Amino acid sequence: ELVALAKGMSPERDARQAAFFRAAGGSDALIEANIDLQ
C-alpha cells in the first residue's frame, strides 16, 4: 500500500478506481472527485 501510494495514480489504477465506484453506484462527479483525491 505504501509503495503504491508513493507511486501515485496510473491510467490502470484510475480505471480500476472508476470501475469500482461505478459498480457501487457512484456518479461521474463523485468518481472524478475520488480519483482527484487519490
PDB file of all heavy atoms in Angstrom:
ATOM      1  N   GLU A   1       0.830  -1.210   0.000  1.00  0.00           N
ATOM      2  CA  GLU A   1       0.000   0.000   0.000  1.00  0.00           C
ATOM      3  C   GLU A   1       0.863   1.259   0.000  1.00  0.00           C
ATOM      4  O   GLU A   1       0.612   2.204  -0.739  1.00  0.00           O
ATOM      5  CB  GLU A   1      -0.929  -0.012   1.218  1.00  0.00           C
ATOM      6  CG  GLU A   1      -1.920   1.114   1.249  1.00  0.00           C
ATOM      7  CD  GLU A   1      -3.139   0.877   0.369  1.00  0.00           C
ATOM      8  OE1 GLU A   1      -3.247  -0.162  -0.297  1.00  0.00           O
ATOM      9  OE2 GLU A   1      -3.995   1.779   0.353  1.00  0.00           O
ATOM     10  N   LEU A   2       1.890   1.281   0.834  1.00  0.00           N
ATOM     11  CA  LEU A   2       2.783   2.441   0.917  1.00  0.00           C
ATOM     12  C   LEU A   2       3.483   2.686  -0.411  1.00  0.00           C
ATOM     13  O   LEU A   2       3.527   3.813  -0.899  1.00  0.00           O
ATOM     14  CB  LEU A   2       3.807   2.241   2.037  1.00  0.00           C
ATOM     15  CG  LEU A   2       4.893   3.311   2.164  1.00  0.00           C
ATOM     16  CD1 LEU A   2       4.279   4.681   2.425  1.00  0.00           C
ATOM     17  CD2 LEU A   2       5.866   2.939   3.269  1.00  0.00           C
ATOM     18  N   VAL A   3       4.019   1.639  -1.011  1.00  0.00           N
ATOM     19  CA  VAL A   3       4.723   1.785  -2.284  1.00  0.00           C
ATOM     20  C   VAL A   3       3.748   2.253  -3.366  1.00  0.00           C
ATOM     21  O   VAL A   3       4.062   3.152  -4.151  1.00  0.00           O
ATOM     22  CB  VAL A   3       5.431   0.468  -2.670  1.00  0.00           C
ATOM     23  CG1 VAL A   3       5.963   0.527  -4.094  1.00  0.00           C
ATOM     24  CG2 VAL A   3       6.573   0.182  -1.688  1.00  0.00           C
ATOM     25  N   ALA A   4       2.543   1.698  -3.395  1.00  0.00           N
ATOM     26  CA  ALA A   4       1.548   2.110  -4.388  1.00  0.00           C
ATOM     27  C   ALA A   4       1.149   3.572  -4.196  1.00  0.00           C
ATOM     28  O   ALA A   4       1.036   4.322  -5.168  1.00  0.00           O
ATOM     29  CB  ALA A   4       0.311   1.210  -4.306  1.00  0.00           C
ATOM     30  N   LEU A   5       0.955   3.997  -2.954  1.00  0.00           N
ATOM     31  CA  LEU A   5       0.587   5.389  -2.697  1.00  0.00           C
ATOM     32  C   LEU A   5       1.711   6.336  -3.095  1.00  0.00           C
ATOM     33  O   LEU A   5       1.463   7.414  -3.624  1.00  0.00           O
ATOM     34  CB  LEU A   5       0.228   5.580  -1.224  1.00  0.00           C
ATOM     35  CG  LEU A   5      -1.092   4.961  -0.782  1.00  0.00           C
ATOM     36  CD1 LEU A   5      -1.213   5.003   0.739  1.00  0.00           C
ATOM     37  CD2 LEU A   5      -2.266   5.667  -1.432  1.00  0.00           C
ATOM     38  N   ALA A   6       2.944   5.940  -2.829  1.00  0.00           N
ATOM     39  CA  ALA A   6       4.084   6.793  -3.177  1.00  0.00           C
ATOM     40  C   ALA A   6       4.227   6.922  -4.691  1.00  0.00           C
ATOM     41  O   ALA A   6       4.625   7.985  -5.183  1.00  0.00           O
ATOM     42  CB  ALA A   6       5.361   6.228  -2.567  1.00  0.00           C
ATOM     43  N   LYS A   7       3.888   5.874  -5.428  1.00  0.00           N
ATOM     44  CA  LYS A   7       3.980   5.916  -6.892  1.00  0.00           C
ATOM     45  C   LYS A   7       2.906   6.808  -7.487  1.00  0.00           C
ATOM     46  O   LYS A   7       3.073   7.357  -8.562  1.00  0.00           O
ATOM     47  CB  LYS A   7       3.841   4.511  -7.476  1.00  0.00           C
ATOM     48  CG  LYS A   7       5.066   3.661  -7.302  1.00  0.00           C
ATOM     49  CD  LYS A   7       4.845   2.302  -7.947  1.00  0.00           C
ATOM     50  CE  LYS A   7       6.055   1.413  -7.772  1.00  0.00           C
ATOM     51  NZ  LYS A   7       5.827   0.076  -8.329  1.00  0.00           N
ATOM     52  N   GLY A   8       1.792   6.924  -6.793  1.00  0.00           N
ATOM     53  CA  GLY A   8       0.695   7.733  -7.303  1.00  0.00           C
ATOM     54  C   GLY A   8      -0.185   6.953  -8.260  1.00  0.00           C
ATOM     55  O   GLY A   8      -0.033   5.750  -8.447  1.00  0.00           O
ATOM     56  N   MET A   9      -1.097   7.674  -8.859  1.00  0.00           N
ATOM     57  CA  MET A   9      -2.076   7.045  -9.745  1.00  0.00           C
ATOM     58  C   MET A   9      -1.443   6.746 -11.103  1.00  0.00           C
ATOM     59  O   MET A   9      -0.474   7.376 -11.502  1.00  0.00           O
ATOM     60  CB  MET A   9      -3.283   7.957  -9.922  1.00  0.00           C
ATOM     61  CG  MET A   9      -4.062   8.200  -8.636  1.00  0.00           C
ATOM     62  SD  MET A   9      -4.768   6.724  -7.900  1.00  0.00           S
ATOM     63  CE  MET A   9      -6.219   6.533  -8.920  1.00  0.00           C
ATOM     64  N   SER A  10      -2.026   5.794 -11.774  1.00  0.00           N
ATOM     65  CA  SER A  10      -1.646   5.442 -13.137  1.00  0.00           C
ATOM     66  C   SER A  10      -2.944   5.294 -13.921  1.00  0.00           C
ATOM     67  O   SER A  10      -4.020   5.197 -13.327  1.00  0.00           O
ATOM     68  CB  SER A  10      -0.878   4.114 -13.132  1.00  0.00           C
ATOM     69  OG  SER A  10      -1.741   3.061 -12.725  1.00  0.00           O
ATOM     70  N   PRO A  11      -2.881   5.262 -15.240  1.00  0.00           N
ATOM     71  CA  PRO A  11      -4.121   5.061 -16.001  1.00  0.00           C
ATOM     72  C   PRO A  11      -4.848   3.770 -15.591  1.00  0.00           C
ATOM     73  O   PRO A  11      -6.072   3.753 -15.505  1.00  0.00           O
ATOM     74  CB  PRO A  11      -3.638   4.999 -17.451  1.00  0.00           C
ATOM     75  CG  PRO A  11      -2.379   5.815 -17.457  1.00  0.00           C
ATOM     76  CD  PRO A  11      -1.734   5.546 -16.112  1.00  0.00           C
ATOM     77  N   GLU A  12      -4.072   2.713 -15.303  1.00  0.00           N
ATOM     78  CA  GLU A  12      -4.696   1.449 -14.891  1.00  0.00           C
ATOM     79  C   GLU A  12      -5.391   1.595 -13.544  1.00  0.00           C
ATOM     80  O   GLU A  12      -6.486   1.094 -13.332  1.00  0.00           O
ATOM     81  CB  GLU A  12      -3.642   0.333 -14.807  1.00  0.00           C
ATOM     82  CG  GLU A  12      -3.006  -0.025 -16.133  1.00  0.00           C
ATOM     83  CD  GLU A  12      -1.881   0.918 -16.551  1.00  0.00           C
ATOM     84  OE1 GLU A  12      -1.336   1.673 -15.702  1.00  0.00           O
ATOM     85  OE2 GLU A  12      -1.560   0.932 -17.751  1.00  0.00           O
ATOM     86  N   ARG A  13      -4.726   2.284 -12.620  1.00  0.00           N
ATOM     87  CA  ARG A  13      -5.324   2.466 -11.289  1.00  0.00           C
ATOM     88  C   ARG A  13      -6.541   3.387 -11.379  1.00  0.00           C
ATOM     89  O   ARG A  13      -7.546   3.158 -10.713  1.00  0.00           O
ATOM     90  CB  ARG A  13      -4.277   3.005 -10.314  1.00  0.00           C
ATOM     91  CG  ARG A  13      -4.746   2.951  -8.893  1.00  0.00           C
ATOM     92  CD  ARG A  13      -3.620   3.195  -7.920  1.00  0.00           C
ATOM     93  NE  ARG A  13      -4.169   3.210  -6.579  1.00  0.00           N
ATOM     94  CZ  ARG A  13      -3.536   3.637  -5.526  1.00  0.00           C
ATOM     95  NH1 ARG A  13      -2.302   4.078  -5.625  1.00  0.00           N
ATOM     96  NH2 ARG A  13      -4.102   3.628  -4.339  1.00  0.00           N
ATOM     97  N   ASP A  14      -6.450   4.448 -12.194  1.00  0.00           N
ATOM     98  CA  ASP A  14      -7.605   5.325 -12.413  1.00  0.00           C
ATOM     99  C   ASP A  14      -8.802   4.513 -12.908  1.00  0.00           C
ATOM    100  O   ASP A  14      -9.915   4.667 -12.407  1.00  0.00           O
ATOM    101  CB  ASP A  14      -7.287   6.397 -13.460  1.00  0.00           C
ATOM    102  CG  ASP A  14      -6.462   7.555 -12.939  1.00  0.00           C
ATOM    103  OD1 ASP A  14      -6.154   7.598 -11.731  1.00  0.00           O
ATOM    104  OD2 ASP A  14      -6.102   8.425 -13.763  1.00  0.00           O
ATOM    105  N   ALA A  15      -8.565   3.650 -13.901  1.00  0.00           N
ATOM    106  CA  ALA A  15      -9.655   2.854 -14.482  1.00  0.00           C
ATOM    107  C   ALA A  15     -10.227   1.885 -13.449  1.00  0.00           C
ATOM    108  O   ALA A  15     -11.450   1.706 -13.370  1.00  0.00           O
ATOM    109  CB  ALA A  15      -9.152   2.093 -15.711  1.00  0.00           C
ATOM    110  N   ARG A  16      -9.357   1.268 -12.641  1.00  0.00           N
ATOM    111  CA  ARG A  16      -9.827   0.325 -11.606  1.00  0.00           C
ATOM    112  C   ARG A  16     -10.671   1.066 -10.568  1.00  0.00           C
ATOM    113  O   ARG A  16     -11.727   0.591 -10.163  1.00  0.00           O
ATOM    114  CB  ARG A  16      -8.623  -0.358 -10.964  1.00  0.00           C
ATOM    115  CG  ARG A  16      -8.993  -1.468 -10.024  1.00  0.00           C
ATOM    116  CD  ARG A  16      -7.795  -2.279  -9.546  1.00  0.00           C
ATOM    117  NE  ARG A  16      -6.796  -1.461  -8.882  1.00  0.00           N
ATOM    118  CZ  ARG A  16      -5.504  -1.387  -9.251  1.00  0.00           C
ATOM    119  NH1 ARG A  16      -5.059  -2.088 -10.276  1.00  0.00           N
ATOM    120  NH2 ARG A  16      -4.662  -0.638  -8.578  1.00  0.00           N
ATOM    121  N   GLN A  17     -10.211   2.256 -10.148  1.00  0.00           N
ATOM    122  CA  GLN A  17     -10.968   3.057  -9.180  1.00  0.00           C
ATOM    123  C   GLN A  17     -12.323   3.453  -9.754  1.00  0.00           C
ATOM    124  O   GLN A  17     -13.347   3.351  -9.082  1.00  0.00           O
ATOM    125  CB  GLN A  17     -10.191   4.325  -8.804  1.00  0.00           C
ATOM    126  CG  GLN A  17      -8.995   4.103  -7.918  1.00  0.00           C
ATOM    127  CD  GLN A  17      -9.374   3.736  -6.507  1.00  0.00           C
ATOM    128  OE1 GLN A  17      -9.220   2.598  -6.102  1.00  0.00           O
ATOM    129  NE2 GLN A  17      -9.873   4.677  -5.756  1.00  0.00           N
ATOM    130  N   ALA A  18     -12.331   3.921 -11.002  1.00  0.00           N
ATOM    131  CA  ALA A  18     -13.584   4.354 -11.626  1.00  0.00           C
ATOM    132  C   ALA A  18     -14.571   3.186 -11.720  1.00  0.00           C
ATOM    133  O   ALA A  18     -15.749   3.333 -11.376  1.00  0.00           O
ATOM    134  CB  ALA A  18     -13.315   4.945 -13.010  1.00  0.00           C
ATOM    135  N   ALA A  19     -14.105   2.028 -12.151  1.00  0.00           N
ATOM    136  CA  ALA A  19     -14.982   0.863 -12.268  1.00  0.00           C
ATOM    137  C   ALA A  19     -15.524   0.438 -10.911  1.00  0.00           C
ATOM    138  O   ALA A  19     -16.701   0.083 -10.774  1.00  0.00           O
ATOM    139  CB  ALA A  19     -14.229  -0.297 -12.927  1.00  0.00           C
ATOM    140  N   PHE A  20     -14.678   0.499  -9.893  1.00  0.00           N
ATOM    141  CA  PHE A  20     -15.068   0.123  -8.533  1.00  0.00           C
ATOM    142  C   PHE A  20     -16.197   1.023  -8.028  1.00  0.00           C
ATOM    143  O   PHE A  20     -17.220   0.553  -7.539  1.00  0.00           O
ATOM    144  CB  PHE A  20     -13.839   0.225  -7.625  1.00  0.00           C
ATOM    145  CG  PHE A  20     -14.086  -0.089  -6.182  1.00  0.00           C
ATOM    146  CD1 PHE A  20     -14.340  -1.382  -5.773  1.00  0.00           C
ATOM    147  CD2 PHE A  20     -14.015   0.908  -5.224  1.00  0.00           C
ATOM    148  CE1 PHE A  20     -14.538  -1.687  -4.427  1.00  0.00           C
ATOM    149  CE2 PHE A  20     -14.205   0.629  -3.879  1.00  0.00           C
ATOM    150  CZ  PHE A  20     -14.474  -0.676  -3.484  1.00  0.00           C
ATOM    151  N   PHE A  21     -16.023   2.339  -8.167  1.00  0.00           N
ATOM    152  CA  PHE A  21     -17.042   3.274  -7.678  1.00  0.00           C
ATOM    153  C   PHE A  21     -18.288   3.275  -8.562  1.00  0.00           C
ATOM    154  O   PHE A  21     -19.400   3.457  -8.072  1.00  0.00           O
ATOM    155  CB  PHE A  21     -16.457   4.667  -7.510  1.00  0.00           C
ATOM    156  CG  PHE A  21     -15.616   4.785  -6.273  1.00  0.00           C
ATOM    157  CD1 PHE A  21     -14.235   4.749  -6.356  1.00  0.00           C
ATOM    158  CD2 PHE A  21     -16.198   4.873  -5.024  1.00  0.00           C
ATOM    159  CE1 PHE A  21     -13.452   4.812  -5.206  1.00  0.00           C
ATOM    160  CE2 PHE A  21     -15.433   4.941  -3.872  1.00  0.00           C
ATOM    161  CZ  PHE A  21     -14.052   4.915  -3.964  1.00  0.00           C
ATOM    162  N   ARG A  22     -18.123   3.043  -9.846  1.00  0.00           N
ATOM    163  CA  ARG A  22     -19.290   2.958 -10.738  1.00  0.00           C
ATOM    164  C   ARG A  22     -20.145   1.746 -10.357  1.00  0.00           C
ATOM    165  O   ARG A  22     -21.372   1.830 -10.297  1.00  0.00           O
ATOM    166  CB  ARG A  22     -18.830   2.877 -12.192  1.00  0.00           C
ATOM    167  CG  ARG A  22     -19.954   3.047 -13.190  1.00  0.00           C
ATOM    168  CD  ARG A  22     -19.456   3.309 -14.611  1.00  0.00           C
ATOM    169  NE  ARG A  22     -18.899   4.663 -14.716  1.00  0.00           N
ATOM    170  CZ  ARG A  22     -17.602   4.939 -14.894  1.00  0.00           C
ATOM    171  NH1 ARG A  22     -16.718   3.980 -15.019  1.00  0.00           N
ATOM    172  NH2 ARG A  22     -17.192   6.180 -14.962  1.00  0.00           N
ATOM    173  N   ALA A  23     -19.490   0.615 -10.062  1.00  0.00           N
ATOM    174  CA  ALA A  23     -20.221  -0.594  -9.656  1.00  0.00           C
ATOM    175  C   ALA A  23     -20.977  -0.383  -8.346  1.00  0.00           C
ATOM    176  O   ALA A  23     -21.992  -1.029  -8.113  1.00  0.00           O
ATOM    177  CB  ALA A  23     -19.256  -1.773  -9.519  1.00  0.00           C
ATOM    178  N   ALA A  24     -20.496   0.537  -7.524  1.00  0.00           N
ATOM    179  CA  ALA A  24     -21.163   0.837  -6.257  1.00  0.00           C
ATOM    180  C   ALA A  24     -22.221   1.928  -6.422  1.00  0.00           C
ATOM    181  O   ALA A  24     -22.830   2.359  -5.442  1.00  0.00           O
ATOM    182  CB  ALA A  24     -20.127   1.278  -5.225  1.00  0.00           C
ATOM    183  N   GLY A  25     -22.431   2.394  -7.650  1.00  0.00           N
ATOM    184  CA  GLY A  25     -23.470   3.384  -7.909  1.00  0.00           C
ATOM    185  C   GLY A  25     -22.993   4.821  -7.867  1.00  0.00           C
ATOM    186  O   GLY A  25     -23.817   5.740  -7.834  1.00  0.00           O
ATOM    187  N   GLY A  26     -21.696   5.047  -7.874  1.00  0.00           N
ATOM    188  CA  GLY A  26     -21.165   6.409  -7.819  1.00  0.00           C
ATOM    189  C   GLY A  26     -21.448   7.190  -9.090  1.00  0.00           C
ATOM    190  O   GLY A  26     -21.373   6.646 -10.194  1.00  0.00           O
ATOM    191  N   SER A  27     -21.739   8.458  -8.918  1.00  0.00           N
ATOM    192  CA  SER A  27     -21.975   9.333 -10.069  1.00  0.00           C
ATOM    193  C   SER A  27     -20.630   9.684 -10.713  1.00  0.00           C
ATOM    194  O   SER A  27     -19.569   9.540 -10.102  1.00  0.00           O
ATOM    195  CB  SER A  27     -22.670  10.621  -9.623  1.00  0.00           C
ATOM    196  OG  SER A  27     -21.782  11.387  -8.810  1.00  0.00           O
ATOM    197  N   ASP A  28     -20.679  10.172 -11.942  1.00  0.00           N
ATOM    198  CA  ASP A  28     -19.446  10.578 -12.620  1.00  0.00           C
ATOM    199  C   ASP A  28     -18.707  11.650 -11.821  1.00  0.00           C
ATOM    200  O   ASP A  28     -17.483  11.616 -11.712  1.00  0.00           O
ATOM    201  CB  ASP A  28     -19.754  11.086 -14.032  1.00  0.00           C
ATOM    202  CG  ASP A  28     -20.159   9.964 -14.983  1.00  0.00           C
ATOM    203  OD1 ASP A  28     -19.901   8.780 -14.662  1.00  0.00           O
ATOM    204  OD2 ASP A  28     -20.730  10.274 -16.047  1.00  0.00           O
ATOM    205  N   ALA A  29     -19.462  12.598 -11.238  1.00  0.00           N
ATOM    206  CA  ALA A  29     -18.827  13.669 -10.453  1.00  0.00           C
ATOM    207  C   ALA A  29     -18.143  13.105  -9.209  1.00  0.00           C
ATOM    208  O   ALA A  29     -17.024  13.512  -8.870  1.00  0.00           O
ATOM    209  CB  ALA A  29     -19.871  14.715 -10.055  1.00  0.00           C
ATOM    210  N   LEU A  30     -18.800  12.168  -8.531  1.00  0.00           N
ATOM    211  CA  LEU A  30     -18.211  11.554  -7.343  1.00  0.00           C
ATOM    212  C   LEU A  30     -16.960  10.748  -7.712  1.00  0.00           C
ATOM    213  O   LEU A  30     -15.948  10.807  -7.018  1.00  0.00           O
ATOM    214  CB  LEU A  30     -19.233  10.640  -6.650  1.00  0.00           C
ATOM    215  CG  LEU A  30     -18.709   9.895  -5.423  1.00  0.00           C
ATOM    216  CD1 LEU A  30     -18.399  10.861  -4.299  1.00  0.00           C
ATOM    217  CD2 LEU A  30     -19.718   8.852  -4.974  1.00  0.00           C
ATOM    218  N   ILE A  31     -17.039  10.028  -8.807  1.00  0.00           N
ATOM    219  CA  ILE A  31     -15.901   9.224  -9.266  1.00  0.00           C
ATOM    220  C   ILE A  31     -14.715  10.129  -9.576  1.00  0.00           C
ATOM    221  O   ILE A  31     -13.585   9.872  -9.153  1.00  0.00           O
ATOM    222  CB  ILE A  31     -16.292   8.355 -10.475  1.00  0.00           C
ATOM    223  CG1 ILE A  31     -17.287   7.269 -10.027  1.00  0.00           C
ATOM    224  CG2 ILE A  31     -15.064   7.745 -11.135  1.00  0.00           C
ATOM    225  CD1 ILE A  31     -17.975   6.552 -11.174  1.00  0.00           C
ATOM    226  N   GLU A  32     -14.945  11.198 -10.302  1.00  0.00           N
ATOM    227  CA  GLU A  32     -13.848  12.121 -10.651  1.00  0.00           C
ATOM    228  C   GLU A  32     -13.259  12.772  -9.402  1.00  0.00           C
ATOM    229  O   GLU A  32     -12.032  12.898  -9.276  1.00  0.00           O
ATOM    230  CB  GLU A  32     -14.334  13.191 -11.633  1.00  0.00           C
ATOM    231  CG  GLU A  32     -13.213  14.057 -12.177  1.00  0.00           C
ATOM    232  CD  GLU A  32     -12.123  13.278 -12.911  1.00  0.00           C
ATOM    233  OE1 GLU A  32     -12.441  12.296 -13.611  1.00  0.00           O
ATOM    234  OE2 GLU A  32     -10.944  13.646 -12.775  1.00  0.00           O
ATOM    235  N   ALA A  33     -14.106  13.164  -8.454  1.00  0.00           N
ATOM    236  CA  ALA A  33     -13.611  13.758  -7.208  1.00  0.00           C
ATOM    237  C   ALA A  33     -12.763  12.754  -6.427  1.00  0.00           C
ATOM    238  O   ALA A  33     -11.712  13.107  -5.873  1.00  0.00           O
ATOM    239  CB  ALA A  33     -14.785  14.246  -6.353  1.00  0.00           C
ATOM    240  N   ASN A  34     -13.195  11.496  -6.399  1.00  0.00           N
ATOM    241  CA  ASN A  34     -12.432  10.468  -5.694  1.00  0.00           C
ATOM    242  C   ASN A  34     -11.088  10.228  -6.361  1.00  0.00           C
ATOM    243  O   ASN A  34     -10.060  10.117  -5.678  1.00  0.00           O
ATOM    244  CB  ASN A  34     -13.224   9.159  -5.615  1.00  0.00           C
ATOM    245  CG  ASN A  34     -12.431   8.088  -4.902  1.00  0.00           C
ATOM    246  OD1 ASN A  34     -11.659   7.362  -5.532  1.00  0.00           O
ATOM    247  ND2 ASN A  34     -12.596   8.008  -3.595  1.00  0.00           N
ATOM    248  N   ILE A  35     -11.079  10.166  -7.675  1.00  0.00           N
ATOM    249  CA  ILE A  35      -9.809   9.952  -8.387  1.00  0.00           C
ATOM    250  C   ILE A  35      -8.884  11.143  -8.171  1.00  0.00           C
ATOM    251  O   ILE A  35      -7.677  10.964  -7.957  1.00  0.00           O
ATOM    252  CB  ILE A  35     -10.069   9.659  -9.873  1.00  0.00           C
ATOM    253  CG1 ILE A  35     -10.690   8.257  -9.993  1.00  0.00           C
ATOM    254  CG2 ILE A  35      -8.787   9.753 -10.691  1.00  0.00           C
ATOM    255  CD1 ILE A  35     -11.131   7.882 -11.390  1.00  0.00           C
ATOM    256  N   ASP A  36      -9.406  12.352  -8.175  1.00  0.00           N
ATOM    257  CA  ASP A  36      -8.576  13.534  -7.887  1.00  0.00           C
ATOM    258  C   ASP A  36      -7.963  13.435  -6.487  1.00  0.00           C
ATOM    259  O   ASP A  36      -6.787  13.744  -6.290  1.00  0.00           O
ATOM    260  CB  ASP A  36      -9.391  14.822  -8.000  1.00  0.00           C
ATOM    261  CG  ASP A  36      -9.704  15.199  -9.434  1.00  0.00           C
ATOM    262  OD1 ASP A  36      -9.063  14.642 -10.358  1.00  0.00           O
ATOM    263  OD2 ASP A  36     -10.607  16.041  -9.632  1.00  0.00           O
ATOM    264  N   LEU A  37      -8.770  13.003  -5.514  1.00  0.00           N
ATOM    265  CA  LEU A  37      -8.269  12.835  -4.150  1.00  0.00           C
ATOM    266  C   LEU A  37      -7.173  11.771  -4.115  1.00  0.00           C
ATOM    267  O   LEU A  37      -6.117  11.964  -3.506  1.00  0.00           O
ATOM    268  CB  LEU A  37      -9.412  12.458  -3.206  1.00  0.00           C
ATOM    269  CG  LEU A  37      -9.029  12.186  -1.755  1.00  0.00           C
ATOM    270  CD1 LEU A  37      -8.458  13.449  -1.096  1.00  0.00           C
ATOM    271  CD2 LEU A  37     -10.229  11.681  -0.979  1.00  0.00           C
ATOM    272  N   GLN A  38      -7.409  10.638  -4.765  1.00  0.00           N
ATOM    273  CA  GLN A  38      -6.414   9.561  -4.810  1.00  0.00           C
ATOM    274  C   GLN A  38      -5.107  10.056  -5.433  1.00  0.00           C
ATOM    275  O   GLN A  38      -4.023   9.722  -4.957  1.00  0.00           O
ATOM    276  CB  GLN A  38      -6.943   8.368  -5.604  1.00  0.00           C
ATOM    277  CG  GLN A  38      -8.119   7.663  -4.985  1.00  0.00           C
ATOM    278  CD  GLN A  38      -7.739   6.844  -3.776  1.00  0.00           C
ATOM    279  OE1 GLN A  38      -6.685   6.240  -3.743  1.00  0.00           O
ATOM    280  NE2 GLN A  38      -8.597   6.827  -2.786  1.00  0.00           N
TER     281      GLN A  38
END
